[in-house]
Amino acid sequence: MTTQKLDALRDYNSAVKSAAEILCKGGIVAVPTETVYGLAASAYSDSAIKAVFEAKGRPQDNPLIVHISSLDMLTDVARDIPECAYSCAKTFWPGPFTMVLSKGENISESVSAGLDSVAVRFPANKTVCDIITASGLPLAAPSANTSGRPSPTAARHVIDDLDGKIDAVVCGEDSVVGVESTVVSLVGDKPRLLRPGAVTPEQLRKVLPDLVIDDAVLKQLKSDEKAASPGMKYKHYAPKTETFLVEGCSGSFVRFVNSKTDCAAICFEEEYYSINIPKISYGSKHNESTLAKNVFSSLRDVDNLGVKQVYIHAPSKDGVGLAVYNRLIRASGFKVITL
């Protein structure tokens, strides 16, 4: 398969039109969103969804998120929608927020991995919304990377992983959020945070005061447990370099990594010049949004350093920091060192 590169920065209208035509024919296309690049296919097509799983090497029991471009499309993909869902939509859409609702009858069973629910998002990125509108299709779209690898925040990351495996990639702007959307389930007794993102628990509780945080946000699901959301069960986001997450103050982290050999550090910018081994700064410890924007590109870049191991300084679990910590604990396979 030859992967087309559709340059939305040079010829926007042509890229949108071409992407929509490929999707309408049952193809799969990598598209930019504000969170990460997604690998899109018609949410109504079993064969297209199966092609997404095959291109990524994604486990079949890992559900996908369906993307829409207007609130009017919500009833096309979900049913028995509670009033609180509309309150969430009014507050957080368009944006990096996903709701798990009862699945509409037209949605492919492959999208929901056998569950009777569907995850739905209305993204803020204009390019993907225009593609959805032009195609007339809700699009199921996991991250456009090889399963288990760091999620792509630039078109070049998609090409590195999936060139020759997908029909096209829309080469647009880099992702501004940098981590996948916040996912909240609205199908149980209480709203449940399944995956943290840029919409924080503090913001959610202003709309959903009885929100609970699922144990899987910070803990590993058992092998026989079923994932209710993408990113809950399997090792994700990992570079090829063996990865450890390190908790502790800056002084302890600097001393720890400086005592190591044949390794690298992903650190905060405040400690960068105190570290003597190969290192990458992923932002200020005081700015969790910057850490989120840079975390996946830093995980990809570490593989270029030629070391056996990388030690990552863990962020706080406050605000957006919880989303970054969630991604890093999975990237490290839950290997955490406390200093």
Protein backbone atom coordinates (compact mmCIF):
# COMPACT_ATOMS: atom_id res chain seq x y z
CA MET A 1 0.00 0.00 0.00
CA THR A 2 1.25 3.49 -0.87
CA THR A 3 0.38 6.09 1.75
CA GLN A 4 -0.68 9.43 0.27
CA LYS A 5 0.61 12.57 1.97
CA LEU A 6 -2.17 15.17 1.88
CA ASP A 7 -0.64 18.56 2.71
CA ALA A 8 -3.30 20.55 4.55
CA LEU A 9 -0.86 23.37 5.25
CA ARG A 10 -0.34 24.11 1.54
CA ASP A 11 -3.64 23.05 -0.04
CA TYR A 12 -6.21 22.77 2.70
CA ASN A 13 -9.36 22.32 0.64
CA SER A 14 -7.82 19.62 -1.54
CA ALA A 15 -6.51 17.71 1.49
CA VAL A 16 -9.89 17.79 3.22
CA LYS A 17 -11.72 16.70 0.07
CA SER A 18 -9.30 13.88 -0.69
CA ALA A 19 -9.38 12.58 2.89
CA ALA A 20 -13.18 12.59 2.90
CA GLU A 21 -13.33 10.71 -0.41
CA ILE A 22 -10.96 8.00 0.88
CA LEU A 23 -12.99 7.59 4.06
CA CYS A 24 -16.27 7.34 2.13
CA LYS A 25 -14.75 4.51 0.09
CA GLY A 26 -13.89 2.56 3.26
CA GLY A 27 -10.24 3.68 3.52
CA ILE A 28 -8.27 4.73 6.58
CA VAL A 29 -6.67 8.16 6.98
CA ALA A 30 -4.50 9.68 9.70
CA VAL A 31 -5.87 13.09 10.70
CA PRO A 32 -4.68 15.87 12.99
CA THR A 33 -6.60 16.68 16.17
CA GLU A 34 -5.81 19.01 19.04
CA THR A 35 -4.90 16.04 21.27
CA VAL A 36 -2.88 13.64 19.08
CA TYR A 37 -3.08 12.49 15.46
CA GLY A 38 -5.86 9.93 14.97
CA LEU A 39 -6.20 7.04 12.53
CA ALA A 40 -9.70 7.58 11.18
CA ALA A 41 -12.22 5.25 9.56
CA SER A 42 -16.00 5.21 9.14
CA ALA A 43 -17.60 4.20 12.43
CA TYR A 44 -20.24 2.38 10.36
CA SER A 45 -17.82 0.12 8.45
CA ASP A 46 -16.67 -3.18 9.98
CA SER A 47 -14.05 -3.68 7.27
CA ALA A 48 -12.59 -0.20 7.69
CA ILE A 49 -12.42 -0.57 11.47
CA LYS A 50 -10.70 -3.94 11.12
CA ALA A 51 -8.15 -2.28 8.81
CA VAL A 52 -7.42 0.27 11.56
CA PHE A 53 -6.77 -2.50 14.10
CA GLU A 54 -4.54 -4.34 11.61
CA ALA A 55 -2.50 -1.26 10.64
CA LYS A 56 -1.83 -0.41 14.28
CA GLY A 57 -1.42 -3.98 15.53
CA ARG A 58 -4.02 -3.04 18.14
CA PRO A 59 -5.65 -5.64 20.42
CA GLN A 60 -9.26 -6.27 19.37
CA ASP A 61 -10.60 -5.75 22.91
CA ASN A 62 -9.39 -2.15 23.06
CA PRO A 63 -12.35 0.12 22.16
CA LEU A 64 -12.13 3.16 19.86
CA ILE A 65 -13.44 6.73 20.19
CA VAL A 66 -15.98 8.00 17.66
CA HIS A 67 -15.47 11.59 16.51
CA ILE A 68 -18.30 13.88 15.43
CA SER A 69 -18.31 17.44 14.09
CA SER A 70 -21.57 18.76 15.56
CA LEU A 71 -23.79 18.09 18.53
CA ASP A 72 -26.53 17.10 16.08
CA MET A 73 -24.49 13.98 15.21
CA LEU A 74 -24.57 12.70 18.78
CA THR A 75 -27.91 10.92 18.34
CA ASP A 76 -26.51 9.19 15.24
CA VAL A 77 -23.94 7.33 17.33
CA ALA A 78 -25.45 7.07 20.84
CA ARG A 79 -28.84 6.34 22.42
CA ASP A 80 -30.55 6.93 25.78
CA ILE A 81 -28.40 10.03 26.24
CA PRO A 82 -28.65 11.40 29.80
CA GLU A 83 -29.19 15.10 30.47
CA CYS A 84 -25.77 15.37 32.13
CA ALA A 85 -24.19 14.47 28.77
CA TYR A 86 -25.66 17.61 27.24
CA SER A 87 -24.37 19.65 30.18
CA CYS A 88 -20.90 18.22 29.56
CA ALA A 89 -21.17 18.90 25.83
CA LYS A 90 -22.15 22.52 26.49
CA THR A 91 -19.15 22.99 28.79
CA PHE A 92 -16.38 20.91 27.18
CA TRP A 93 -17.22 20.54 23.47
CA PRO A 94 -15.65 21.07 21.06
CA GLY A 95 -12.52 20.03 22.88
CA PRO A 96 -10.38 17.26 24.39
CA PHE A 97 -13.24 15.54 26.19
CA THR A 98 -14.86 12.14 25.49
CA MET A 99 -18.11 10.72 26.89
CA VAL A 100 -18.92 7.01 27.10
CA LEU A 101 -22.62 6.54 26.33
CA SER A 102 -24.98 3.75 25.28
CA LYS A 103 -24.05 2.68 21.75
CA GLY A 104 -26.22 3.56 18.76
CA GLU A 105 -27.39 0.65 16.62
CA ASN A 106 -25.48 1.76 13.50
CA ILE A 107 -22.05 1.77 15.13
CA SER A 108 -19.81 -1.14 14.18
CA GLU A 109 -19.42 -3.74 16.94
CA SER A 110 -15.67 -3.58 16.31
CA VAL A 111 -15.62 0.06 17.45
CA SER A 112 -16.85 -0.75 20.95
CA ALA A 113 -14.87 -4.01 21.33
CA GLY A 114 -18.03 -5.90 22.18
CA LEU A 115 -19.30 -3.41 24.77
CA ASP A 116 -22.82 -1.95 24.66
CA SER A 117 -21.33 1.51 24.99
CA VAL A 118 -19.52 3.92 22.71
CA ALA A 119 -16.99 6.67 23.43
CA VAL A 120 -17.80 9.94 21.62
CA ARG A 121 -15.84 13.16 21.13
CA PHE A 122 -16.41 16.44 19.29
CA PRO A 123 -12.83 17.66 18.66
CA ALA A 124 -11.79 21.31 18.55
CA ASN A 125 -9.42 20.88 15.60
CA LYS A 126 -10.89 22.51 12.46
CA THR A 127 -9.20 20.13 10.02
CA VAL A 128 -10.65 16.93 11.42
CA CYS A 129 -14.07 18.53 11.88
CA ASP A 130 -14.10 19.66 8.26
CA ILE A 131 -13.15 16.14 7.15
CA ILE A 132 -15.96 14.64 9.24
CA THR A 133 -18.45 17.13 7.78
CA ALA A 134 -17.22 16.59 4.21
CA SER A 135 -17.46 12.81 4.54
CA GLY A 136 -20.81 12.88 6.33
CA LEU A 137 -19.50 10.11 8.58
CA PRO A 138 -18.74 9.80 12.28
CA LEU A 139 -15.13 8.68 12.41
CA ALA A 140 -13.68 6.10 14.77
CA ALA A 141 -10.09 7.16 15.40
CA PRO A 142 -7.52 5.77 17.84
CA SER A 143 -4.07 7.36 17.92
CA ALA A 144 -2.27 7.03 14.57
CA ASN A 145 0.73 5.05 15.78
CA THR A 146 1.90 1.47 16.09
CA SER A 147 0.06 0.05 19.10
CA GLY A 148 2.08 0.48 22.28
CA ARG A 149 4.33 3.22 20.90
CA PRO A 150 4.22 6.89 21.98
CA SER A 151 1.21 8.62 20.49
CA PRO A 152 1.88 10.90 17.47
CA THR A 153 1.66 14.65 17.89
CA ALA A 154 3.03 15.49 14.42
CA ALA A 155 2.48 14.08 10.94
CA ARG A 156 6.11 12.88 10.82
CA HIS A 157 5.42 10.59 13.80
CA VAL A 158 2.57 8.97 11.87
CA ILE A 159 4.77 8.47 8.82
CA ASP A 160 7.51 6.95 10.97
CA ASP A 161 5.10 4.33 12.30
CA LEU A 162 2.51 3.71 9.60
CA ASP A 163 3.90 4.69 6.19
CA GLY A 164 2.84 2.01 3.72
CA LYS A 165 0.21 0.61 6.10
CA ILE A 166 -2.57 3.20 5.68
CA ASP A 167 -4.21 4.95 2.74
CA ALA A 168 -3.29 8.54 3.59
CA VAL A 169 -2.05 10.97 6.23
CA VAL A 170 -3.29 14.55 6.39
CA CYS A 171 -0.17 16.58 7.12
CA GLY A 172 -1.45 19.45 9.22
CA GLU A 173 -0.51 21.34 12.33
CA ASP A 174 1.14 19.70 15.32
CA SER A 175 -1.15 18.80 18.21
CA VAL A 176 -1.51 21.60 20.76
CA VAL A 177 -2.69 19.51 23.74
CA GLY A 178 -0.32 16.59 23.32
CA VAL A 179 -2.14 13.87 25.28
CA GLU A 180 -5.34 12.05 24.42
CA SER A 181 -8.74 13.31 25.54
CA THR A 182 -10.22 13.00 28.99
CA VAL A 183 -12.67 10.06 29.02
CA VAL A 184 -15.69 9.96 31.35
CA SER A 185 -18.24 7.15 31.44
CA LEU A 186 -21.87 8.25 31.85
CA VAL A 187 -23.42 4.78 31.63
CA GLY A 188 -23.10 3.68 35.28
CA ASP A 189 -24.61 4.78 38.56
CA LYS A 190 -22.10 7.62 38.85
CA PRO A 191 -19.95 9.44 36.30
CA ARG A 192 -16.56 7.74 36.23
CA LEU A 193 -13.25 9.17 35.03
CA LEU A 194 -11.64 6.43 32.95
CA ARG A 195 -8.74 8.37 31.43
CA PRO A 196 -7.41 11.78 32.52
CA GLY A 197 -6.59 14.47 29.99
CA ALA A 198 -6.55 18.23 29.52
CA VAL A 199 -10.02 18.51 31.07
CA THR A 200 -9.14 17.95 34.70
CA PRO A 201 -11.09 16.29 37.54
CA GLU A 202 -11.49 19.72 39.13
CA GLN A 203 -13.15 21.08 35.99
CA LEU A 204 -15.30 17.98 35.59
CA ARG A 205 -16.68 18.15 39.12
CA LYS A 206 -18.15 21.59 38.41
CA VAL A 207 -20.52 19.81 35.99
CA LEU A 208 -20.43 16.28 37.46
CA PRO A 209 -20.14 16.78 41.24
CA ASP A 210 -20.48 13.05 41.97
CA LEU A 211 -17.60 12.08 39.64
CA VAL A 212 -15.44 9.17 40.80
CA ILE A 213 -11.97 8.33 39.51
CA ASP A 214 -11.58 4.78 38.25
CA ASP A 215 -8.84 2.72 39.92
CA ALA A 216 -7.37 1.98 36.47
CA VAL A 217 -6.26 5.61 36.09
CA LEU A 218 -3.22 4.83 38.26
CA LYS A 219 -3.32 1.03 38.47
CA GLN A 220 -2.96 -1.80 35.98
CA LEU A 221 -6.04 -3.73 34.89
CA LYS A 222 -5.91 -7.50 35.35
CA SER A 223 -5.55 -9.61 32.22
CA ASP A 224 -9.14 -10.86 32.47
CA GLU A 225 -10.68 -7.40 33.03
CA LYS A 226 -12.37 -5.67 30.09
CA ALA A 227 -11.26 -2.15 29.19
CA ALA A 228 -14.10 0.40 29.18
CA SER A 229 -11.92 3.03 27.52
CA PRO A 230 -8.84 3.22 25.30
CA GLY A 231 -5.58 3.36 27.23
CA MET A 232 -6.78 1.46 30.30
CA LYS A 233 -5.46 -2.06 29.88
CA TYR A 234 -2.33 -2.54 27.80
CA LYS A 235 1.16 -1.11 27.95
CA HIS A 236 1.01 2.11 25.96
CA TYR A 237 3.10 5.07 24.86
CA ALA A 238 6.41 3.24 25.32
CA PRO A 239 9.67 4.00 23.52
CA LYS A 240 11.93 1.14 22.47
CA THR A 241 14.30 2.14 25.27
CA GLU A 242 13.54 0.48 28.62
CA THR A 243 11.67 3.06 30.68
CA PHE A 244 11.39 3.81 34.39
CA LEU A 245 9.29 6.47 36.12
CA VAL A 246 11.03 8.13 39.06
CA GLU A 247 9.27 9.93 41.91
CA GLY A 248 11.13 12.32 44.17
CA CYS A 249 12.41 15.88 44.53
CA SER A 250 14.68 17.45 41.92
CA GLY A 251 17.81 17.09 44.02
CA SER A 252 17.21 13.39 44.57
CA PHE A 253 16.40 12.82 40.91
CA VAL A 254 19.56 14.61 39.72
CA ARG A 255 21.78 12.64 42.11
CA PHE A 256 20.10 9.39 41.11
CA VAL A 257 20.46 9.76 37.33
CA ASN A 258 24.00 11.16 37.58
CA SER A 259 25.03 7.94 39.34
CA LYS A 260 23.85 5.85 36.35
CA THR A 261 25.64 4.81 33.16
CA ASP A 262 24.42 3.92 29.67
CA CYS A 263 21.13 5.66 30.31
CA ALA A 264 19.32 8.93 29.71
CA ALA A 265 16.94 11.17 31.62
CA ILE A 266 13.71 12.90 30.68
CA CYS A 267 13.66 15.75 33.14
CA PHE A 268 12.18 19.12 34.02
CA GLU A 269 13.81 22.19 32.49
CA GLU A 270 14.75 23.44 35.99
CA GLU A 271 17.14 20.49 36.49
CA TYR A 272 18.38 20.10 32.91
CA TYR A 273 21.81 21.73 33.38
CA SER A 274 22.53 19.80 36.57
CA ILE A 275 22.27 16.42 34.82
CA ASN A 276 25.47 14.99 33.35
CA ILE A 277 24.06 12.11 31.29
CA PRO A 278 22.16 12.42 27.97
CA LYS A 279 18.91 14.17 28.74
CA ILE A 280 15.74 15.64 27.29
CA SER A 281 13.68 18.34 28.98
CA TYR A 282 9.95 17.97 28.58
CA GLY A 283 9.09 21.30 30.19
CA SER A 284 8.78 23.12 33.48
CA LYS A 285 7.61 21.24 36.56
CA HIS A 286 5.36 24.24 37.21
CA ASN A 287 3.54 23.97 33.85
CA GLU A 288 1.74 20.66 33.46
CA SER A 289 0.21 21.71 30.12
CA THR A 290 3.68 22.09 28.62
CA LEU A 291 4.68 18.68 29.99
CA ALA A 292 1.59 17.21 28.33
CA LYS A 293 2.37 18.85 25.00
CA ASN A 294 5.94 17.53 24.99
CA VAL A 295 5.73 14.15 26.69
CA PHE A 296 5.13 11.94 23.64
CA SER A 297 7.70 13.64 21.41
CA SER A 298 10.23 13.31 24.25
CA LEU A 299 9.48 9.59 24.53
CA ARG A 300 10.07 9.22 20.79
CA ASP A 301 13.26 11.29 20.85
CA VAL A 302 14.87 9.20 23.58
CA ASP A 303 15.23 6.29 21.14
CA ASN A 304 17.69 8.43 19.16
CA LEU A 305 20.09 8.69 22.11
CA GLY A 306 21.40 5.14 21.84
CA VAL A 307 21.06 4.22 25.50
CA LYS A 308 19.65 1.13 27.18
CA GLN A 309 17.42 2.80 29.76
CA VAL A 310 15.67 6.10 30.37
CA TYR A 311 14.58 7.51 33.72
CA ILE A 312 11.69 9.98 33.63
CA HIS A 313 11.05 12.46 36.42
CA ALA A 314 7.39 12.02 37.37
CA PRO A 315 5.14 15.10 37.35
CA SER A 316 2.66 15.94 40.06
CA LYS A 317 -0.73 14.26 39.92
CA ASP A 318 -2.56 17.59 40.10
CA GLY A 319 -4.58 19.05 37.23
CA VAL A 320 -3.24 18.09 33.81
CA GLY A 321 -0.29 16.50 35.63
CA LEU A 322 -2.54 13.52 36.37
CA ALA A 323 -2.89 12.90 32.60
CA VAL A 324 0.87 13.06 32.10
CA TYR A 325 1.51 10.73 35.05
CA ASN A 326 -1.12 8.31 33.70
CA ARG A 327 0.68 8.13 30.33
CA LEU A 328 4.13 7.76 31.87
CA ILE A 329 3.19 5.01 34.31
CA ARG A 330 1.94 3.02 31.30
CA ALA A 331 4.95 3.90 29.17
CA SER A 332 7.14 2.46 31.93
CA GLY A 333 5.03 -0.68 32.30
CA PHE A 334 4.28 0.40 35.90
CA LYS A 335 8.00 0.31 36.80
CA VAL A 336 8.16 3.13 39.36
CA ILE A 337 11.16 4.08 41.48
CA THR A 338 10.50 6.17 44.59
CA LEU A 339 13.51 8.10 45.92
